[in-house]
N, C-alpha and C. Protein backbone atom coordinates (compact mmCIF):
# COMPACT_ATOMS: atom_id res chain seq x y z
N UNK A 1 8.08 131.64 -83.21
CA UNK A 1 7.02 131.68 -82.03
C UNK A 1 6.34 129.71 -81.67
N UNK A 2 5.94 129.76 -82.96
CA UNK A 2 5.63 128.83 -83.21
C UNK A 2 6.26 127.32 -82.73
N UNK A 3 7.68 127.56 -83.56
CA UNK A 3 8.42 126.50 -82.80
C UNK A 3 7.57 126.66 -80.55
N UNK A 4 8.58 127.57 -79.54
CA UNK A 4 8.10 127.66 -78.72
C UNK A 4 6.96 127.81 -78.40
N UNK A 5 5.56 127.04 -78.92
CA UNK A 5 4.92 126.07 -78.34
C UNK A 5 4.61 125.07 -78.76
N UNK A 6 5.63 124.58 -79.92
CA UNK A 6 5.74 123.35 -79.78
C UNK A 6 6.82 122.79 -78.52
N UNK A 7 7.44 123.61 -77.70
CA UNK A 7 7.90 123.22 -76.47
C UNK A 7 6.88 123.01 -75.45
N UNK A 8 6.12 124.08 -75.44
CA UNK A 8 5.99 123.59 -74.09
C UNK A 8 4.73 123.12 -74.21
N UNK A 9 4.40 122.46 -75.19
CA UNK A 9 3.38 121.44 -75.34
C UNK A 9 3.78 120.49 -75.03
N UNK A 10 4.68 120.16 -76.15
CA UNK A 10 5.65 118.95 -75.42
C UNK A 10 6.15 118.89 -73.83
N UNK A 11 6.83 120.78 -73.56
CA UNK A 11 7.08 119.56 -71.63
C UNK A 11 5.62 119.46 -71.41
N UNK A 12 4.40 120.17 -71.50
CA UNK A 12 3.40 119.54 -70.97
C UNK A 12 2.96 117.65 -71.02
N UNK A 13 3.19 117.42 -71.65
CA UNK A 13 3.04 116.12 -72.86
C UNK A 13 3.64 114.98 -71.34
N UNK A 14 4.76 115.34 -71.29
CA UNK A 14 6.50 114.22 -71.26
C UNK A 14 6.24 114.44 -69.58
N UNK A 15 5.72 115.81 -68.93
CA UNK A 15 6.07 116.06 -66.96
C UNK A 15 5.00 115.41 -67.05
N UNK A 16 3.81 114.94 -67.53
CA UNK A 16 2.75 113.80 -67.87
C UNK A 16 2.75 113.02 -67.42
N UNK A 17 3.71 112.41 -68.48
CA UNK A 17 3.87 110.52 -67.79
C UNK A 17 4.87 110.53 -67.17
N UNK A 18 5.26 111.39 -67.06
CA UNK A 18 6.75 110.86 -65.38
C UNK A 18 5.29 111.17 -64.34
N UNK A 19 5.03 112.54 -64.09
CA UNK A 19 4.11 112.43 -62.93
C UNK A 19 3.36 111.04 -63.02
N UNK A 20 2.14 110.38 -63.82
CA UNK A 20 1.72 109.38 -63.64
C UNK A 20 2.34 107.92 -63.13
N UNK A 21 3.42 108.10 -64.24
CA UNK A 21 4.52 106.71 -63.16
C UNK A 21 4.58 106.53 -61.78
N UNK A 22 4.93 108.20 -61.48
CA UNK A 22 6.18 108.19 -60.01
C UNK A 22 4.45 108.46 -58.94
N UNK A 23 2.97 108.35 -59.77
CA UNK A 23 1.74 108.25 -58.56
C UNK A 23 1.42 107.39 -59.16
N UNK A 24 1.26 106.28 -59.83
CA UNK A 24 1.19 105.02 -59.61
C UNK A 24 1.85 104.45 -58.88
N UNK A 25 3.40 104.19 -59.10
CA UNK A 25 4.25 103.63 -57.78
C UNK A 25 3.96 103.99 -56.44
N UNK A 26 3.47 105.38 -56.15
CA UNK A 26 3.48 105.85 -54.92
C UNK A 26 2.44 104.64 -54.89
N UNK A 27 1.13 105.06 -55.34
CA UNK A 27 -0.35 103.51 -54.90
C UNK A 27 0.02 102.49 -54.48
N UNK A 28 0.61 102.15 -55.40
CA UNK A 28 1.57 100.61 -55.15
C UNK A 28 2.61 100.69 -54.41
N UNK A 29 3.13 101.33 -53.72
CA UNK A 29 3.93 101.19 -52.42
C UNK A 29 3.15 101.49 -51.39
N UNK A 30 2.14 102.72 -51.20
CA UNK A 30 1.23 103.14 -50.27
C UNK A 30 0.34 101.69 -50.06
N UNK A 31 -1.00 102.36 -50.72
CA UNK A 31 -2.44 101.65 -50.86
C UNK A 31 -2.06 100.08 -50.77
N UNK A 32 -1.41 99.38 -51.77
CA UNK A 32 -1.34 98.08 -52.47
C UNK A 32 0.15 96.93 -51.54
N UNK A 33 0.61 97.41 -50.14
CA UNK A 33 2.43 97.41 -49.73
C UNK A 33 2.92 96.49 -50.46
N UNK A 34 2.83 97.45 -51.36
CA UNK A 34 4.70 96.46 -52.57
C UNK A 34 5.18 97.01 -52.09
N UNK A 35 6.27 96.03 -52.35
CA UNK A 35 7.68 97.26 -52.02
C UNK A 35 8.67 98.17 -53.41
N UNK A 36 9.35 98.10 -53.19
CA UNK A 36 9.67 99.31 -53.96
C UNK A 36 9.39 99.11 -55.55
N UNK A 37 10.43 98.39 -55.70
CA UNK A 37 10.94 97.59 -56.99
C UNK A 37 8.99 97.20 -57.87
N UNK A 38 8.45 96.35 -56.28
CA UNK A 38 7.45 96.03 -57.30
C UNK A 38 6.12 96.15 -57.51
N UNK A 39 6.10 98.04 -57.03
CA UNK A 39 5.66 99.10 -57.11
C UNK A 39 5.87 99.81 -58.18
N UNK A 40 7.53 100.43 -58.31
CA UNK A 40 7.49 100.83 -59.89
C UNK A 40 7.36 100.17 -61.21
N UNK A 41 7.67 97.73 -60.94
CA UNK A 41 7.63 97.25 -62.36
C UNK A 41 5.93 96.95 -62.50
N UNK A 42 5.21 97.47 -60.77
CA UNK A 42 3.40 97.17 -61.77
C UNK A 42 2.89 99.09 -62.65
N UNK A 43 4.06 99.89 -62.20
CA UNK A 43 3.23 100.88 -62.39
C UNK A 43 4.15 101.47 -64.21
N UNK A 44 5.01 101.17 -64.21
CA UNK A 44 5.12 100.87 -65.86
C UNK A 44 4.73 99.70 -67.13
N UNK A 45 4.01 99.03 -66.44
CA UNK A 45 3.24 97.44 -66.75
C UNK A 45 1.69 98.35 -66.66
N UNK A 46 1.34 99.07 -66.02
CA UNK A 46 0.12 100.16 -65.73
C UNK A 46 -0.17 101.50 -66.48
N UNK A 47 1.09 101.77 -67.22
CA UNK A 47 1.49 103.68 -67.65
C UNK A 47 1.65 103.48 -68.82
N UNK A 48 2.66 101.78 -68.70
CA UNK A 48 3.05 101.27 -70.42
C UNK A 48 2.23 101.76 -71.24
N UNK A 49 1.07 100.93 -71.88
CA UNK A 49 -0.17 101.75 -73.08
C UNK A 49 -0.07 103.09 -72.71
N UNK A 50 -0.66 102.91 -71.91
CA UNK A 50 -1.22 104.53 -71.95
C UNK A 50 -0.47 105.89 -72.50
N UNK A 51 0.85 105.99 -71.60
CA UNK A 51 1.73 106.36 -73.27
C UNK A 51 2.15 106.63 -73.97
N UNK A 52 2.49 104.52 -74.90
CA UNK A 52 2.66 105.02 -76.18
C UNK A 52 1.22 105.45 -76.71
N UNK A 53 0.24 104.99 -76.13
CA UNK A 53 -1.45 105.53 -76.95
C UNK A 53 -1.31 107.50 -76.84
N UNK A 54 -0.42 108.19 -76.38
CA UNK A 54 -0.73 109.00 -76.33
C UNK A 54 0.41 109.51 -77.11
N UNK A 55 1.24 108.64 -77.53
CA UNK A 55 2.30 109.19 -77.69
C UNK A 55 2.55 109.22 -79.32
N UNK A 56 2.38 107.98 -79.80
CA UNK A 56 2.16 107.39 -81.29
C UNK A 56 0.62 108.68 -81.44
N UNK A 57 -0.55 108.57 -80.41
CA UNK A 57 -2.08 109.59 -81.79
C UNK A 57 -0.06 110.83 -82.33
N UNK A 58 -0.24 111.21 -80.79
CA UNK A 58 0.31 112.87 -80.77
C UNK A 58 1.15 112.27 -82.48
N UNK A 59 2.22 111.57 -82.44
CA UNK A 59 3.26 111.24 -83.76
C UNK A 59 2.52 111.64 -85.19
N UNK A 60 1.64 110.58 -84.75
CA UNK A 60 0.62 109.92 -86.28
C UNK A 60 0.12 111.78 -86.64
N UNK A 61 -0.66 112.70 -85.44
CA UNK A 61 -1.14 113.71 -85.75
C UNK A 61 0.11 114.52 -86.57
N UNK A 62 0.82 114.57 -85.99
CA UNK A 62 2.02 115.66 -86.39
C UNK A 62 3.46 115.58 -87.26
N UNK A 63 2.93 113.57 -87.62
CA UNK A 63 4.63 113.52 -89.07
C UNK A 63 3.81 114.51 -90.66
N UNK A 64 2.10 114.62 -90.85
CA UNK A 64 1.75 115.35 -92.43
C UNK A 64 2.87 116.84 -91.65
N UNK A 65 2.93 117.65 -90.87
CA UNK A 65 3.65 118.65 -89.94
C UNK A 65 4.78 118.56 -91.04
N UNK A 66 5.29 117.81 -90.56
CA UNK A 66 6.95 117.30 -91.09
C UNK A 66 7.32 116.96 -92.54
N UNK A 67 6.48 116.04 -93.13
CA UNK A 67 7.00 115.01 -94.16
C UNK A 67 6.45 116.01 -95.57
N UNK A 68 5.38 116.03 -95.31
CA UNK A 68 4.44 116.67 -96.50
C UNK A 68 4.83 118.40 -96.84
N UNK A 69 5.22 118.21 -97.82
CA UNK A 69 5.00 119.77 -98.32
C UNK A 69 3.11 120.48 -98.66
N UNK A 70 3.92 122.23 -98.72
CA UNK A 70 2.38 122.03 -99.16
C UNK A 70 2.24 123.45 -98.90
N UNK A 71 1.61 124.34 -98.74
CA UNK A 71 1.24 125.58 -98.37
C UNK A 71 1.24 126.15 -97.01
N UNK A 72 2.62 127.19 -96.89
CA UNK A 72 2.39 126.68 -95.58
C UNK A 72 2.29 126.00 -94.37
N UNK A 73 3.09 125.09 -95.08
CA UNK A 73 4.52 124.35 -93.95
C UNK A 73 4.93 124.42 -93.80
N UNK A 74 6.12 125.85 -93.77
CA UNK A 74 6.99 125.31 -94.18
C UNK A 74 6.90 126.90 -92.61
N UNK A 75 5.97 127.33 -92.38
CA UNK A 75 5.52 128.21 -90.48
C UNK A 75 4.75 126.23 -90.18
N UNK A 76 4.67 125.70 -90.37
CA UNK A 76 4.34 124.60 -88.26
C UNK A 76 5.54 123.61 -88.88
N UNK A 77 6.45 123.31 -89.53
CA UNK A 77 7.24 122.68 -89.35
C UNK A 77 8.13 122.80 -88.32
N UNK A 78 8.65 123.21 -87.39
CA UNK A 78 8.98 123.57 -86.32
C UNK A 78 8.79 122.56 -84.97
N UNK A 79 6.96 124.06 -84.99
CA UNK A 79 5.94 123.43 -84.47
C UNK A 79 6.32 121.32 -84.51
N UNK A 80 6.12 121.09 -85.02
CA UNK A 80 5.83 119.63 -86.00
C UNK A 80 6.47 119.24 -85.43
N UNK A 81 7.86 119.77 -85.43
CA UNK A 81 9.58 118.69 -85.20
C UNK A 81 9.83 118.35 -84.45
N UNK A 82 9.62 120.06 -83.60
CA UNK A 82 10.01 119.91 -82.37
C UNK A 82 9.03 118.78 -81.34
N UNK A 83 7.88 118.56 -81.47
CA UNK A 83 6.90 117.90 -80.94
C UNK A 83 7.13 117.08 -81.04
N UNK A 84 6.86 116.48 -82.08
CA UNK A 84 7.58 114.50 -83.46
C UNK A 84 8.92 114.22 -82.59
N UNK A 85 9.87 114.73 -83.06
CA UNK A 85 11.55 114.82 -81.79
C UNK A 85 11.53 113.94 -80.33
N UNK A 86 10.59 115.01 -79.42
CA UNK A 86 10.31 115.37 -78.48
C UNK A 86 9.79 114.04 -77.50
N UNK A 87 9.01 113.91 -78.52
CA UNK A 87 8.39 112.74 -78.05
C UNK A 87 8.29 111.84 -77.67
N UNK A 88 9.34 111.46 -79.62
CA UNK A 88 9.72 109.65 -79.56
C UNK A 88 11.69 109.71 -78.45
N UNK A 89 11.74 110.54 -78.36
CA UNK A 89 13.13 110.40 -77.21
C UNK A 89 12.25 110.52 -76.22
N UNK A 90 11.95 111.51 -75.26
CA UNK A 90 11.51 111.47 -74.25
C UNK A 90 10.30 109.85 -73.99
N UNK A 91 9.56 109.75 -74.57
CA UNK A 91 8.34 108.08 -74.95
C UNK A 91 9.29 107.52 -73.74
N UNK A 92 11.11 107.80 -74.74
CA UNK A 92 11.97 106.26 -74.39
C UNK A 92 12.61 106.84 -73.28
N UNK A 93 12.60 108.23 -72.49
CA UNK A 93 13.71 108.61 -71.50
C UNK A 93 12.46 107.55 -70.76
N UNK A 94 11.12 108.90 -70.55
CA UNK A 94 9.97 108.35 -69.23
C UNK A 94 10.33 106.35 -68.88
N UNK A 95 10.45 106.17 -70.53
CA UNK A 95 9.60 104.76 -69.77
C UNK A 95 11.70 103.95 -69.16
N UNK A 96 12.65 104.06 -69.71
CA UNK A 96 13.78 103.51 -69.42
C UNK A 96 15.02 103.68 -68.40
N UNK A 97 14.99 104.59 -68.37
CA UNK A 97 15.75 106.33 -66.98
C UNK A 97 14.71 106.10 -65.63
N UNK A 98 12.88 106.53 -65.92
CA UNK A 98 12.87 106.93 -64.58
C UNK A 98 12.41 105.82 -63.35
N UNK A 99 11.79 104.47 -63.92
CA UNK A 99 12.06 103.48 -63.55
C UNK A 99 13.19 102.89 -62.42
N UNK A 100 14.34 103.51 -62.86
CA UNK A 100 15.89 102.83 -61.83
C UNK A 100 15.64 104.55 -60.87
N UNK A 101 15.68 105.71 -61.44
CA UNK A 101 15.65 107.04 -61.08
C UNK A 101 14.95 107.03 -59.74
N UNK A 102 13.63 106.33 -60.19
CA UNK A 102 12.75 106.43 -59.17
C UNK A 102 12.70 105.68 -57.66
N UNK A 103 13.61 104.84 -58.60
CA UNK A 103 14.14 103.83 -57.19
C UNK A 103 15.08 104.39 -56.69
N UNK A 104 15.81 104.55 -57.05
CA UNK A 104 17.18 105.36 -56.74
C UNK A 104 16.99 106.32 -55.65
N UNK A 105 15.78 107.29 -56.01
CA UNK A 105 15.34 108.01 -56.05
C UNK A 105 15.24 106.82 -53.97
N UNK A 106 13.63 106.12 -53.77
CA UNK A 106 13.31 106.11 -53.30
C UNK A 106 13.85 105.18 -52.19
N UNK A 107 15.36 104.18 -52.28
CA UNK A 107 16.13 104.02 -51.46
C UNK A 107 16.73 105.03 -51.41
N UNK A 108 17.50 106.11 -51.54
CA UNK A 108 18.65 107.29 -51.08
C UNK A 108 17.92 107.57 -50.23
N UNK A 109 16.43 108.02 -49.94
CA UNK A 109 15.10 108.42 -49.08
C UNK A 109 15.18 107.42 -48.13
N UNK A 110 15.00 106.30 -47.73
CA UNK A 110 14.70 104.87 -47.25
C UNK A 110 15.73 105.61 -46.52
N UNK A 111 17.10 104.90 -47.04
CA UNK A 111 18.82 105.21 -46.50
C UNK A 111 19.06 106.44 -44.99
N UNK A 112 18.52 107.55 -45.01
CA UNK A 112 17.95 108.82 -44.67
C UNK A 112 17.29 108.87 -43.13
N UNK A 113 18.38 109.04 -42.45
CA UNK A 113 17.18 108.81 -40.54
C UNK A 113 16.44 110.05 -40.85
N UNK A 114 15.37 109.49 -40.52
CA UNK A 114 13.89 111.08 -40.16
C UNK A 114 14.05 111.67 -38.58
N UNK A 115 14.06 112.73 -38.90
CA UNK A 115 14.48 113.93 -38.88
C UNK A 115 12.78 114.21 -37.51
N UNK A 116 12.46 114.60 -36.32
CA UNK A 116 11.20 114.86 -35.88
C UNK A 116 10.75 116.97 -36.68
N UNK A 117 9.64 116.66 -36.65
CA UNK A 117 9.70 118.18 -36.66
C UNK A 117 9.24 118.30 -36.04
N UNK A 118 9.54 118.08 -34.54
CA UNK A 118 8.91 118.46 -33.51
C UNK A 118 10.32 118.26 -33.06
N UNK A 119 10.54 120.05 -32.98
CA UNK A 119 12.57 119.67 -32.41
C UNK A 119 12.32 119.48 -30.41
N UNK A 120 13.63 118.60 -29.77
CA UNK A 120 13.13 118.63 -28.36
C UNK A 120 13.01 120.07 -27.65
N UNK A 121 12.13 119.77 -26.41
CA UNK A 121 12.55 121.05 -25.82
C UNK A 121 13.76 121.51 -24.64
N UNK A 122 14.79 121.47 -24.69
CA UNK A 122 15.57 121.35 -23.15
C UNK A 122 15.44 122.29 -22.46
């Protein structure tokens, strides 16, 4: 049961990082008038430190649950393992996979013809 709680914690942190990266990119495009690539690079530059800070603090906080034996440690070892492994991997994926994915989706959306929401009346 505690391992499942670890997955819920991990999902919340991982999704939050990706959402903030996308949001920062959209702010750069809409408000600052940057190109898509410039906005994504600026968003990664701005969000990299907070992502690493939250990841490192969570990893350092959870490592004792995984590494040190003690009374009751086997109960929380699954929770710690899920959060430590998931955060380490997801931080790299967020910073290495998300920017090209955002650029790809933005490019595909810009190539699609825009359709009016109001249908033309015959």
